[in-house]
PDB file of N, CA and C in Angstrom:
ATOM      1  N   MET A   1     116.169  53.979  60.241  1.00  0.00           N
ATOM      2  CA  MET A   1     117.055  53.583  61.305  1.00  0.00           C
ATOM      3  C   MET A   1     118.385  53.072  60.763  1.00  0.00           C
ATOM      4  N   GLY A   2     118.414  52.665  59.543  1.00  0.00           N
ATOM      5  CA  GLY A   2     119.607  52.073  58.994  1.00  0.00           C
ATOM      6  C   GLY A   2     120.566  53.097  58.422  1.00  0.00           C
ATOM      7  N   ARG A   3     120.578  54.264  58.922  1.00  0.00           N
ATOM      8  CA  ARG A   3     121.460  55.313  58.392  1.00  0.00           C
ATOM      9  C   ARG A   3     122.824  55.241  59.082  1.00  0.00           C
ATOM     10  N   ALA A   4     123.841  55.709  58.363  1.00  0.00           N
ATOM     11  CA  ALA A   4     125.199  55.734  58.924  1.00  0.00           C
ATOM     12  C   ALA A   4     125.283  56.849  59.965  1.00  0.00           C
ATOM     13  N   LYS A   5     126.145  56.663  60.964  1.00  0.00           N
ATOM     14  CA  LYS A   5     126.295  57.667  62.026  1.00  0.00           C
ATOM     15  C   LYS A   5     126.931  58.922  61.453  1.00  0.00           C
ATOM     16  N   GLN A   6     126.347  60.062  61.833  1.00  0.00           N
ATOM     17  CA  GLN A   6     126.928  61.344  61.471  1.00  0.00           C
ATOM     18  C   GLN A   6     127.347  62.002  62.778  1.00  0.00           C
ATOM     19  N   PRO A   7     128.642  62.186  62.996  1.00  0.00           N
ATOM     20  CA  PRO A   7     129.145  62.577  64.310  1.00  0.00           C
ATOM     21  C   PRO A   7     128.698  63.952  64.816  1.00  0.00           C
ATOM     22  N   HIS A   8     128.617  64.953  63.984  1.00  0.00           N
ATOM     23  CA  HIS A   8     128.331  66.302  64.466  1.00  0.00           C
ATOM     24  C   HIS A   8     127.021  66.841  63.912  1.00  0.00           C
ATOM     25  N   ILE A   9     125.946  66.127  64.131  1.00  0.00           N
ATOM     26  CA  ILE A   9     124.641  66.591  63.655  1.00  0.00           C
ATOM     27  C   ILE A   9     123.764  66.890  64.874  1.00  0.00           C
ATOM     28  N   SER A  10     123.064  67.995  64.809  1.00  0.00           N
ATOM     29  CA  SER A  10     122.228  68.365  65.958  1.00  0.00           C
ATOM     30  C   SER A  10     120.951  67.526  65.963  1.00  0.00           C
ATOM     31  N   PHE A  11     120.305  67.498  67.114  1.00  0.00           N
ATOM     32  CA  PHE A  11     119.067  66.730  67.234  1.00  0.00           C
ATOM     33  C   PHE A  11     118.011  67.274  66.287  1.00  0.00           C
ATOM     34  N   GLY A  12     117.920  68.594  66.197  1.00  0.00           N
ATOM     35  CA  GLY A  12     116.924  69.219  65.326  1.00  0.00           C
ATOM     36  C   GLY A  12     117.074  68.808  63.871  1.00  0.00           C
ATOM     37  N   LYS A  13     118.323  68.830  63.410  1.00  0.00           N
ATOM     38  CA  LYS A  13     118.577  68.439  62.019  1.00  0.00           C
ATOM     39  C   LYS A  13     118.276  66.963  61.806  1.00  0.00           C
ATOM     40  N   LYS A  14     118.698  66.133  62.746  1.00  0.00           N
ATOM     41  CA  LYS A  14     118.463  64.689  62.661  1.00  0.00           C
ATOM     42  C   LYS A  14     116.959  64.399  62.655  1.00  0.00           C
ATOM     43  N   PHE A  15     116.220  65.077  63.554  1.00  0.00           N
ATOM     44  CA  PHE A  15     114.781  64.878  63.631  1.00  0.00           C
ATOM     45  C   PHE A  15     114.112  65.274  62.319  1.00  0.00           C
ATOM     46  N   ALA A  16     114.489  66.455  61.783  1.00  0.00           N
ATOM     47  CA  ALA A  16     113.896  66.928  60.524  1.00  0.00           C
ATOM     48  C   ALA A  16     114.181  65.957  59.384  1.00  0.00           C
ATOM     49  N   MET A  17     115.405  65.451  59.344  1.00  0.00           N
ATOM     50  CA  MET A  17     115.800  64.515  58.300  1.00  0.00           C
ATOM     51  C   MET A  17     114.973  63.219  58.386  1.00  0.00           C
ATOM     52  N   GLU A  18     114.868  62.680  59.607  1.00  0.00           N
ATOM     53  CA  GLU A  18     114.141  61.428  59.808  1.00  0.00           C
ATOM     54  C   GLU A  18     112.634  61.630  59.616  1.00  0.00           C
ATOM     55  N   ARG A  19     112.121  62.755  60.035  1.00  0.00           N
ATOM     56  CA  ARG A  19     110.687  63.046  59.880  1.00  0.00           C
ATOM     57  C   ARG A  19     110.334  63.093  58.393  1.00  0.00           C
ATOM     58  N   GLU A  20     111.213  63.719  57.612  1.00  0.00           N
ATOM     59  CA  GLU A  20     110.982  63.810  56.171  1.00  0.00           C
ATOM     60  C   GLU A  20     111.054  62.435  55.526  1.00  0.00           C
ATOM     61  N   ALA A  21     111.995  61.618  55.981  1.00  0.00           N
ATOM     62  CA  ALA A  21     112.180  60.289  55.395  1.00  0.00           C
ATOM     63  C   ALA A  21     111.079  59.317  55.827  1.00  0.00           C
ATOM     64  N   GLN A  22     110.690  59.328  57.125  1.00  0.00           N
ATOM     65  CA  GLN A  22     109.761  58.321  57.646  1.00  0.00           C
ATOM     66  C   GLN A  22     108.341  58.838  57.863  1.00  0.00           C
ATOM     67  N   GLY A  23     108.198  60.131  58.067  1.00  0.00           N
ATOM     68  CA  GLY A  23     106.880  60.672  58.377  1.00  0.00           C
ATOM     69  C   GLY A  23     106.575  60.477  59.861  1.00  0.00           C
ATOM     70  N   ALA A  24     105.325  60.745  60.236  1.00  0.00           N
ATOM     71  CA  ALA A  24     104.920  60.603  61.645  1.00  0.00           C
ATOM     72  C   ALA A  24     104.913  59.133  62.041  1.00  0.00           C
ATOM     73  N   GLY A  25     105.261  58.847  63.273  1.00  0.00           N
ATOM     74  CA  GLY A  25     105.222  57.472  63.770  1.00  0.00           C
ATOM     75  C   GLY A  25     106.506  56.691  63.566  1.00  0.00           C
ATOM     76  N   GLY A  26     107.510  57.291  62.927  1.00  0.00           N
ATOM     77  CA  GLY A  26     108.772  56.599  62.717  1.00  0.00           C
ATOM     78  C   GLY A  26     109.661  56.657  63.963  1.00  0.00           C
ATOM     79  N   LYS A  27     110.752  55.883  63.920  1.00  0.00           N
ATOM     80  CA  LYS A  27     111.690  55.875  65.046  1.00  0.00           C
ATOM     81  C   LYS A  27     113.100  56.050  64.505  1.00  0.00           C
ATOM     82  N   PHE A  28     113.936  56.710  65.324  1.00  0.00           N
ATOM     83  CA  PHE A  28     115.335  56.871  64.947  1.00  0.00           C
ATOM     84  C   PHE A  28     116.190  56.916  66.208  1.00  0.00           C
ATOM     85  N   THR A  29     117.482  56.727  66.026  1.00  0.00           N
ATOM     86  CA  THR A  29     118.406  56.728  67.161  1.00  0.00           C
ATOM     87  C   THR A  29     119.322  57.935  67.044  1.00  0.00           C
ATOM     88  N   TRP A  30     119.528  58.620  68.153  1.00  0.00           N
ATOM     89  CA  TRP A  30     120.428  59.771  68.211  1.00  0.00           C
ATOM     90  C   TRP A  30     121.199  59.684  69.517  1.00  0.00           C
ATOM     91  N   LYS A  31     122.514  59.644  69.426  1.00  0.00           N
ATOM     92  CA  LYS A  31     123.397  59.498  70.593  1.00  0.00           C
ATOM     93  C   LYS A  31     122.984  58.322  71.464  1.00  0.00           C
ATOM     94  N   ASP A  32     122.792  57.185  70.842  1.00  0.00           N
ATOM     95  CA  ASP A  32     122.464  55.909  71.488  1.00  0.00           C
ATOM     96  C   ASP A  32     121.129  55.910  72.245  1.00  0.00           C
ATOM     97  N   GLN A  33     120.233  56.800  71.908  1.00  0.00           N
ATOM     98  CA  GLN A  33     118.886  56.792  72.492  1.00  0.00           C
ATOM     99  C   GLN A  33     117.877  56.801  71.362  1.00  0.00           C
ATOM    100  N   GLU A  34     116.763  56.109  71.597  1.00  0.00           N
ATOM    101  CA  GLU A  34     115.755  55.988  70.564  1.00  0.00           C
ATOM    102  C   GLU A  34     114.677  57.062  70.734  1.00  0.00           C
ATOM    103  N   TYR A  35     114.305  57.678  69.617  1.00  0.00           N
ATOM    104  CA  TYR A  35     113.287  58.735  69.603  1.00  0.00           C
ATOM    105  C   TYR A  35     112.272  58.438  68.504  1.00  0.00           C
ATOM    106  N   THR A  36     111.101  59.079  68.593  1.00  0.00           N
ATOM    107  CA  THR A  36     110.103  58.945  67.524  1.00  0.00           C
ATOM    108  C   THR A  36     110.134  60.201  66.674  1.00  0.00           C
ATOM    109  N   THR A  37     109.544  60.090  65.491  1.00  0.00           N
ATOM    110  CA  THR A  37     109.482  61.238  64.591  1.00  0.00           C
ATOM    111  C   THR A  37     108.183  62.020  64.781  1.00  0.00           C
ATOM    112  N   ASN A  38     107.489  61.765  65.867  1.00  0.00           N
ATOM    113  CA  ASN A  38     106.248  62.497  66.149  1.00  0.00           C
ATOM    114  C   ASN A  38     106.562  63.842  66.790  1.00  0.00           C
ATOM    115  N   TYR A  39     105.701  64.812  66.494  1.00  0.00           N
ATOM    116  CA  TYR A  39     105.777  66.088  67.196  1.00  0.00           C
ATOM    117  C   TYR A  39     105.154  65.903  68.581  1.00  0.00           C
ATOM    118  N   ALA A  40     105.414  66.837  69.480  1.00  0.00           N
ATOM    119  CA  ALA A  40     104.900  66.735  70.853  1.00  0.00           C
ATOM    120  C   ALA A  40     103.373  66.640  70.854  1.00  0.00           C
ATOM    121  N   GLU A  41     102.702  67.397  69.990  1.00  0.00           N
ATOM    122  CA  GLU A  41     101.233  67.373  69.929  1.00  0.00           C
ATOM    123  C   GLU A  41     100.721  65.993  69.531  1.00  0.00           C
ATOM    124  N   GLU A  42     101.470  65.332  68.655  1.00  0.00           N
ATOM    125  CA  GLU A  42     101.066  64.009  68.197  1.00  0.00           C
ATOM    126  C   GLU A  42     101.270  62.968  69.297  1.00  0.00           C
ATOM    127  N   GLU A  43     102.258  63.168  70.145  1.00  0.00           N
ATOM    128  CA  GLU A  43     102.522  62.239  71.242  1.00  0.00           C
ATOM    129  C   GLU A  43     101.418  62.291  72.283  1.00  0.00           C
ATOM    130  N   LYS A  44     100.921  63.480  72.570  1.00  0.00           N
ATOM    131  CA  LYS A  44      99.910  63.646  73.620  1.00  0.00           C
ATOM    132  C   LYS A  44      98.594  62.990  73.236  1.00  0.00           C
ATOM    133  N   SER A  45      98.154  63.233  72.022  1.00  0.00           N
ATOM    134  CA  SER A  45      96.878  62.651  71.604  1.00  0.00           C
ATOM    135  C   SER A  45      96.991  62.171  70.159  1.00  0.00           C
ATOM    136  N   PRO A  46      97.380  60.919  69.963  1.00  0.00           N
ATOM    137  CA  PRO A  46      97.549  60.425  68.600  1.00  0.00           C
ATOM    138  C   PRO A  46      96.236  60.491  67.824  1.00  0.00           C
ATOM    139  N   GLY A  47      96.324  60.959  66.589  1.00  0.00           N
ATOM    140  CA  GLY A  47      95.138  61.050  65.748  1.00  0.00           C
ATOM    141  C   GLY A  47      94.456  62.407  65.843  1.00  0.00           C
ATOM    142  N   LYS A  48      94.630  63.119  66.935  1.00  0.00           N
ATOM    143  CA  LYS A  48      94.016  64.438  67.091  1.00  0.00           C
ATOM    144  C   LYS A  48      95.119  65.465  67.319  1.00  0.00           C
ATOM    145  N   LEU A  49      95.445  66.196  66.292  1.00  0.00           N
ATOM    146  CA  LEU A  49      96.472  67.219  66.430  1.00  0.00           C
ATOM    147  C   LEU A  49      95.854  68.461  67.052  1.00  0.00           C
ATOM    148  N   LYS A  50      96.503  68.994  68.050  1.00  0.00           N
ATOM    149  CA  LYS A  50      96.019  70.221  68.685  1.00  0.00           C
ATOM    150  C   LYS A  50      96.610  71.410  67.941  1.00  0.00           C
ATOM    151  N   PRO A  51      95.770  72.307  67.493  1.00  0.00           N
ATOM    152  CA  PRO A  51      96.312  73.479  66.806  1.00  0.00           C
ATOM    153  C   PRO A  51      97.027  74.396  67.800  1.00  0.00           C
ATOM    154  N   LYS A  52      98.028  75.107  67.327  1.00  0.00           N
ATOM    155  CA  LYS A  52      98.798  75.978  68.200  1.00  0.00           C
ATOM    156  C   LYS A  52      97.982  77.177  68.665  1.00  0.00           C
ATOM    157  N   VAL A  53      96.856  77.446  68.040  1.00  0.00           N
ATOM    158  CA  VAL A  53      95.992  78.558  68.426  1.00  0.00           C
ATOM    159  C   VAL A  53      95.510  78.374  69.854  1.00  0.00           C
ATOM    160  N   LYS A  54      95.277  77.139  70.275  1.00  0.00           N
ATOM    161  CA  LYS A  54      94.789  76.881  71.624  1.00  0.00           C
ATOM    162  C   LYS A  54      95.747  77.423  72.666  1.00  0.00           C
ATOM    163  N   ARG A  55      97.022  77.349  72.413  1.00  0.00           N
ATOM    164  CA  ARG A  55      98.020  77.873  73.354  1.00  0.00           C
ATOM    165  C   ARG A  55      97.812  79.369  73.534  1.00  0.00           C
ATOM    166  N   LYS A  56      97.531  80.064  72.433  1.00  0.00           N
ATOM    167  CA  LYS A  56      97.294  81.502  72.511  1.00  0.00           C
ATOM    168  C   LYS A  56      96.036  81.787  73.302  1.00  0.00           C
ATOM    169  N   VAL A  57      95.022  80.956  73.092  1.00  0.00           N
ATOM    170  CA  VAL A  57      93.774  81.141  73.834  1.00  0.00           C
ATOM    171  C   VAL A  57      94.032  80.942  75.315  1.00  0.00           C
ATOM    172  N   LYS A  58      94.801  79.914  75.664  1.00  0.00           N
ATOM    173  CA  LYS A  58      95.121  79.666  77.065  1.00  0.00           C
ATOM    174  C   LYS A  58      95.901  80.839  77.641  1.00  0.00           C
ATOM    175  N   LYS A  59      96.838  81.362  76.863  1.00  0.00           N
ATOM    176  CA  LYS A  59      97.629  82.488  77.333  1.00  0.00           C
ATOM    177  C   LYS A  59      96.729  83.695  77.556  1.00  0.00           C
ATOM    178  N   LYS A  60      95.805  83.908  76.632  1.00  0.00           N
ATOM    179  CA  LYS A  60      94.874  85.026  76.760  1.00  0.00           C
ATOM    180  C   LYS A  60      94.029  84.855  78.024  1.00  0.00           C
ATOM    181  N   ALA A  61      93.603  83.636  78.282  1.00  0.00           N
ATOM    182  CA  ALA A  61      92.811  83.360  79.486  1.00  0.00           C
ATOM    183  C   ALA A  61      93.640  83.624  80.735  1.00  0.00           C
ATOM    184  N   ARG A  62      94.918  83.242  80.707  1.00  0.00           N
ATOM    185  CA  ARG A  62      95.792  83.488  81.869  1.00  0.00           C
ATOM    186  C   ARG A  62      95.960  84.981  82.115  1.00  0.00           C
ATOM    187  N   VAL A  63      96.143  85.737  81.029  1.00  0.00           N
ATOM    188  CA  VAL A  63      96.301  87.193  81.159  1.00  0.00           C
ATOM    189  C   VAL A  63      95.028  87.804  81.736  1.00  0.00           C
ATOM    190  N   GLU A  64      93.877  87.342  81.237  1.00  0.00           N
ATOM    191  CA  GLU A  64      92.603  87.857  81.757  1.00  0.00           C
ATOM    192  C   GLU A  64      92.427  87.512  83.226  1.00  0.00           C
ATOM    193  N   ALA A  65      92.824  86.294  83.608  1.00  0.00           N
ATOM    194  CA  ALA A  65      92.717  85.882  85.011  1.00  0.00           C
ATOM    195  C   ALA A  65      93.635  86.743  85.885  1.00  0.00           C
ATOM    196  N   ARG A  66      94.839  87.004  85.400  1.00  0.00           N
ATOM    197  CA  ARG A  66      95.785  87.838  86.157  1.00  0.00           C
ATOM    198  C   ARG A  66      95.220  89.247  86.333  1.00  0.00           C
ATOM    199  N   THR A  67      94.638  89.792  85.260  1.00  0.00           N
ATOM    200  CA  THR A  67      94.041  91.120  85.326  1.00  0.00           C
ATOM    201  C   THR A  67      92.891  91.144  86.320  1.00  0.00           C
ATOM    202  N   ALA A  68      92.086  90.081  86.307  1.00  0.00           N
ATOM    203  CA  ALA A  68      90.964  89.997  87.245  1.00  0.00           C
ATOM    204  C   ALA A  68      91.460  89.958  88.690  1.00  0.00           C
ATOM    205  N   ARG A  69      92.538  89.209  88.934  1.00  0.00           N
ATOM    206  CA  ARG A  69      93.103  89.148  90.299  1.00  0.00           C
ATOM    207  C   ARG A  69      93.612  90.515  90.734  1.00  0.00           C
ATOM    208  N   LYS A  70      94.303  91.218  89.824  1.00  0.00           N
ATOM    209  CA  LYS A  70      94.810  92.546  90.154  1.00  0.00           C
ATOM    210  C   LYS A  70      93.656  93.498  90.470  1.00  0.00           C
ATOM    211  N   THR A  71      92.599  93.418  89.670  1.00  0.00           N
ATOM    212  CA  THR A  71      91.432  94.275  89.895  1.00  0.00           C
ATOM    213  C   THR A  71      90.810  93.978  91.242  1.00  0.00           C
ATOM    214  N   LYS A  72      90.701  92.702  91.559  1.00  0.00           N
ATOM    215  CA  LYS A  72      90.121  92.289  92.840  1.00  0.00           C
ATOM    216  C   LYS A  72      90.949  92.820  94.007  1.00  0.00           C
ATOM    217  N   ARG A  73      92.281  92.707  93.892  1.00  0.00           N
ATOM    218  CA  ARG A  73      93.164  93.218  94.950  1.00  0.00           C
ATOM    219  C   ARG A  73      93.013  94.726  95.099  1.00  0.00           C
ATOM    220  N   THR A  74      92.949  95.429  93.966  1.00  0.00           N
ATOM    221  CA  THR A  74      92.808  96.884  94.003  1.00  0.00           C
ATOM    222  C   THR A  74      91.498  97.280  94.668  1.00  0.00           C
ATOM    223  N   GLU A  75      90.421  96.564  94.313  1.00  0.00           N
ATOM    224  CA  GLU A  75      89.117  96.860  94.921  1.00  0.00           C
ATOM    225  C   GLU A  75      89.153  96.603  96.421  1.00  0.00           C
ATOM    226  N   ALA A  76      89.800  95.516  96.838  1.00  0.00           N
ATOM    227  CA  ALA A  76      89.897  95.199  98.267  1.00  0.00           C
ATOM    228  C   ALA A  76      90.693  96.281  98.989  1.00  0.00           C
ATOM    229  N   ARG A  77      91.774  96.723  98.378  1.00  0.00           N
ATOM    230  CA  ARG A  77      92.601  97.775  98.977  1.00  0.00           C
ATOM    231  C   ARG A  77      91.796  99.061  99.129  1.00  0.00           C
ATOM    232  N   THR A  78      91.045  99.417  98.088  1.00  0.00           N
ATOM    233  CA  THR A  78      90.216 100.618  98.124  1.00  0.00           C
ATOM    234  C   THR A  78      89.170 100.499  99.219  1.00  0.00           C
ATOM    235  N   ALA A  79      88.561  99.321  99.337  1.00  0.00           N
ATOM    236  CA  ALA A  79      87.544  99.107 100.376  1.00  0.00           C
ATOM    237  C   ALA A  79      88.155  99.270 101.763  1.00  0.00           C
ATOM    238  N   ARG A  80      89.369  98.726 101.953  1.00  0.00           N
ATOM    239  CA  ARG A  80      90.041  98.877 103.263  1.00  0.00           C
ATOM    240  C   ARG A  80      90.312 100.338 103.565  1.00  0.00           C
ATOM    241  N   LYS A  81      90.792 101.081 102.556  1.00  0.00           N
ATOM    242  CA  LYS A  81      91.072 102.503 102.756  1.00  0.00           C
ATOM    243  C   LYS A  81      89.789 103.250 103.111  1.00  0.00           C
ATOM    244  N   THR A  82      88.714 102.933 102.405  1.00  0.00           N
ATOM    245  CA  THR A  82      87.432 103.586 102.661  1.00  0.00           C
ATOM    246  C   THR A  82      86.967 103.286 104.076  1.00  0.00           C
ATOM    247  N   THR A  83      87.100 102.024 104.481  1.00  0.00           N
ATOM    248  CA  THR A  83      86.695 101.630 105.833  1.00  0.00           C
ATOM    249  C   THR A  83      87.500 102.398 106.864  1.00  0.00           C
ATOM    250  N   ARG A  84      88.818 102.492 106.668  1.00  0.00           N
ATOM    251  CA  ARG A  84      89.664 103.240 107.596  1.00  0.00           C
ATOM    252  C   ARG A  84      89.247 104.701 107.651  1.00  0.00           C
ATOM    253  N   LYS A  85      88.976 105.254 106.475  1.00  0.00           N
ATOM    254  CA  LYS A  85      88.573 106.662 106.405  1.00  0.00           C
ATOM    255  C   LYS A  85      87.252 106.863 107.156  1.00  0.00           C
ATOM    256  N   ASN A  86      86.314 105.950 106.944  1.00  0.00           N
ATOM    257  CA  ASN A  86      85.018 106.047 107.634  1.00  0.00           C
ATOM    258  C   ASN A  86      85.194 105.940 109.147  1.00  0.00           C
ATOM    259  N   LYS A  87      86.077 105.026 109.579  1.00  0.00           N
ATOM    260  CA  LYS A  87      86.327 104.876 111.019  1.00  0.00           C
ATOM    261  C   LYS A  87      86.916 106.155 111.583  1.00  0.00           C
ATOM    262  N   ARG A  88      87.889 106.733 110.862  1.00  0.00           N
ATOM    263  CA  ARG A  88      88.502 107.981 111.322  1.00  0.00           C
ATOM    264  C   ARG A  88      87.464 109.084 111.437  1.00  0.00           C
ATOM    265  N   THR A  89      86.615 109.185 110.420  1.00  0.00           N
ATOM    266  CA  THR A  89      85.573 110.209 110.430  1.00  0.00           C
ATOM    267  C   THR A  89      84.633 109.996 111.606  1.00  0.00           C
ATOM    268  N   ALA A  90      84.253 108.754 111.851  1.00  0.00           N
ATOM    269  CA  ALA A  90      83.355 108.445 112.971  1.00  0.00           C
ATOM    270  C   ALA A  90      84.013 108.809 114.297  1.00  0.00           C
ATOM    271  N   MET A  91      85.306 108.501 114.439  1.00  0.00           N
ATOM    272  CA  MET A  91      86.023 108.832 115.673  1.00  0.00           C
ATOM    273  C   MET A  91      86.100 110.341 115.869  1.00  0.00           C
ATOM    274  N   LYS A  92      86.368 111.080 114.793  1.00  0.00           N
ATOM    275  CA  LYS A  92      86.419 112.536 114.883  1.00  0.00           C
ATOM    276  C   LYS A  92      85.081 113.088 115.321  1.00  0.00           C
ATOM    277  N   THR A  93      84.022 112.569 114.719  1.00  0.00           N
ATOM    278  CA  THR A  93      82.673 113.021 115.061  1.00  0.00           C
ATOM    279  C   THR A  93      82.376 112.729 116.529  1.00  0.00           C
ATOM    280  N   ALA A  94      82.737 111.532 116.980  1.00  0.00           N
ATOM    281  CA  ALA A  94      82.489 111.153 118.378  1.00  0.00           C
ATOM    282  C   ALA A  94      83.268 112.066 119.319  1.00  0.00           C
ATOM    283  N   ARG A  95      84.521 112.367 118.995  1.00  0.00           N
ATOM    284  CA  ARG A  95      85.323 113.257 119.838  1.00  0.00           C
ATOM    285  C   ARG A  95      84.714 114.655 119.885  1.00  0.00           C
ATOM    286  N   LYS A  96      84.268 115.101 118.717  1.00  0.00           N
ATOM    287  CA  LYS A  96      83.663 116.430 118.638  1.00  0.00           C
ATOM    288  C   LYS A  96      82.405 116.493 119.507  1.00  0.00           C
ATOM    289  N   GLN A  97      81.565 115.480 119.418  1.00  0.00           N
ATOM    290  CA  GLN A  97      80.340 115.431 120.219  1.00  0.00           C
ATOM    291  C   GLN A  97      80.680 115.373 121.709  1.00  0.00           C
ATOM    292  N   SER A  98      81.702 114.590 122.039  1.00  0.00           N
ATOM    293  CA  SER A  98      82.118 114.466 123.430  1.00  0.00           C
ATOM    294  C   SER A  98      82.591 115.821 123.959  1.00  0.00           C
ATOM    295  N   ARG A  99      83.400 116.519 123.150  1.00  0.00           N
ATOM    296  CA  ARG A  99      83.867 117.846 123.561  1.00  0.00           C
ATOM    297  C   ARG A  99      82.705 118.803 123.743  1.00  0.00           C
ATOM    298  N   THR A 100      81.757 118.762 122.801  1.00  0.00           N
ATOM    299  CA  THR A 100      80.593 119.644 122.885  1.00  0.00           C
ATOM    300  C   THR A 100      79.786 119.339 124.146  1.00  0.00           C
ATOM    301  N   THR A 101      79.585 118.077 124.438  1.00  0.00           N
ATOM    302  CA  THR A 101      78.833 117.675 125.626  1.00  0.00           C
ATOM    303  C   THR A 101      79.551 118.148 126.888  1.00  0.00           C
ATOM    304  N   LYS A 102      80.858 117.968 126.934  1.00  0.00           N
ATOM    305  CA  LYS A 102      81.633 118.410 128.101  1.00  0.00           C
ATOM    306  C   LYS A 102      81.562 119.933 128.263  1.00  0.00           C
ATOM    307  N   ARG A 103      81.681 120.671 127.129  1.00  0.00           N
ATOM    308  CA  ARG A 103      81.596 122.128 127.184  1.00  0.00           C
ATOM    309  C   ARG A 103      80.252 122.566 127.754  1.00  0.00           C
ATOM    310  N   THR A 104      79.206 121.941 127.234  1.00  0.00           N
ATOM    311  CA  THR A 104      77.861 122.282 127.689  1.00  0.00           C
ATOM    312  C   THR A 104      77.720 122.014 129.183  1.00  0.00           C
ATOM    313  N   ALA A 105      78.239 120.890 129.630  1.00  0.00           N
ATOM    314  CA  ALA A 105      78.159 120.534 131.056  1.00  0.00           C
ATOM    315  C   ALA A 105      78.935 121.555 131.890  1.00  0.00           C
ATOM    316  N   ARG A 106      80.103 121.978 131.434  1.00  0.00           N
ATOM    317  CA  ARG A 106      80.892 122.967 132.167  1.00  0.00           C
ATOM    318  C   ARG A 106      80.159 124.306 132.236  1.00  0.00           C
ATOM    319  N   LYS A 107      79.568 124.713 131.097  1.00  0.00           N
ATOM    320  CA  LYS A 107      78.811 125.975 131.090  1.00  0.00           C
ATOM    321  C   LYS A 107      77.659 125.926 132.084  1.00  0.00           C
ATOM    322  N   GLN A 108      76.951 124.811 132.086  1.00  0.00           N
ATOM    323  CA  GLN A 108      75.817 124.678 133.015  1.00  0.00           C
ATOM    324  C   GLN A 108      76.300 124.721 134.470  1.00  0.00           C
ATOM    325  N   ALA A 109      77.423 124.058 134.733  1.00  0.00           N
ATOM    326  CA  ALA A 109      77.970 124.069 136.096  1.00  0.00           C
ATOM    327  C   ALA A 109      78.365 125.483 136.499  1.00  0.00           C
ATOM    328  N   ARG A 110      79.000 126.227 135.581  1.00  0.00           N
ATOM    329  CA  ARG A 110      79.381 127.604 135.846  1.00  0.00           C
ATOM    330  C   ARG A 110      78.165 128.463 136.136  1.00  0.00           C
ATOM    331  N   THR A 111      77.152 128.314 135.307  1.00  0.00           N
ATOM    332  CA  THR A 111      75.925 129.090 135.476  1.00  0.00           C
ATOM    333  C   THR A 111      75.290 128.767 136.817  1.00  0.00           C
ATOM    334  N   THR A 112      75.262 127.498 137.153  1.00  0.00           N
ATOM    335  CA  THR A 112      74.683 127.080 138.432  1.00  0.00           C
ATOM    336  C   THR A 112      75.465 127.698 139.588  1.00  0.00           C
ATOM    337  N   ARG A 113      76.778 127.702 139.520  1.00  0.00           N
ATOM    338  CA  ARG A 113      77.605 128.287 140.589  1.00  0.00           C
ATOM    339  C   ARG A 113      77.369 129.783 140.701  1.00  0.00           C
ATOM    340  N   LYS A 114      77.290 130.468 139.537  1.00  0.00           N
ATOM    341  CA  LYS A 114      77.061 131.912 139.544  1.00  0.00           C
ATOM    342  C   LYS A 114      75.726 132.242 140.197  1.00  0.00           C
ATOM    343  N   THR A 115      74.693 131.509 139.805  1.00  0.00           N
ATOM    344  CA  THR A 115      73.360 131.767 140.400  1.00  0.00           C
ATOM    345  C   THR A 115      73.347 131.450 141.885  1.00  0.00           C
ATOM    346  N   ALA A 116      74.098 130.460 142.286  1.00  0.00           N
ATOM    347  CA  ALA A 116      74.168 130.094 143.695  1.00  0.00           C
ATOM    348  C   ALA A 116      74.889 131.191 144.481  1.00  0.00           C
ATOM    349  N   ARG A 117      75.945 131.782 143.906  1.00  0.00           N
ATOM    350  CA  ARG A 117      76.649 132.885 144.566  1.00  0.00           C
ATOM    351  C   ARG A 117      75.786 134.106 144.698  1.00  0.00           C
ATOM    352  N   LYS A 118      75.052 134.437 143.611  1.00  0.00           N
ATOM    353  CA  LYS A 118      74.199 135.623 143.627  1.00  0.00           C
ATOM    354  C   LYS A 118      73.098 135.481 144.678  1.00  0.00           C
ATOM    355  N   SER A 119      72.536 134.314 144.772  1.00  0.00           N
ATOM    356  CA  SER A 119      71.445 134.132 145.722  1.00  0.00           C
ATOM    357  C   SER A 119      71.951 134.093 147.194  1.00  0.00           C
ATOM    358  N   SER A 120      73.213 133.807 147.381  1.00  0.00           N
ATOM    359  CA  SER A 120      73.755 133.752 148.746  1.00  0.00           C
ATOM    360  C   SER A 120      74.049 135.151 149.278  1.00  0.00           C
ATOM    361  N   TYR A 121      74.164 136.176 148.488  1.00  0.00           N
ATOM    362  CA  TYR A 121      74.457 137.533 148.963  1.00  0.00           C
ATOM    363  C   TYR A 121      73.292 138.126 149.588  1.00  0.00           C
TER     364      TYR A 121
END
C-alpha cells in the first residue's frame, strides 16, 4: 500500500504488480478506491479455489439443456402436425362415408319410384 502513485497505470497492471508483491489476501488502492489482491474465485469461497473446468462443465450442461428444449419443441410440433393430419384424414373419411350413404339412399329412392311407376301402369 505504501507505493508511490503512478498516474497512467491500468487496473490490470496494478493488480498484477500488487498480487506479485503481496500475494493473495493483500490490499491496494487504485484511483482512490481500495481493492484486494484476491482473484474472483478466492473472494467467493476463501480457502477453496474453484477450478475453471467447472465453468466449462456448466456451459456444456447449458448447451445440453438447450438442445433438449429444442428437441422437445420439435417433437411437440411434429405431434401437432400428426394430430392435424389425423383429424383431416378422419374428416375426409367421414365425408366420403356420408356421400356414400347419401348416394345409396338416392339410388334406393329412385328404385322405389321406378317400381312404383311400373306397378301403377
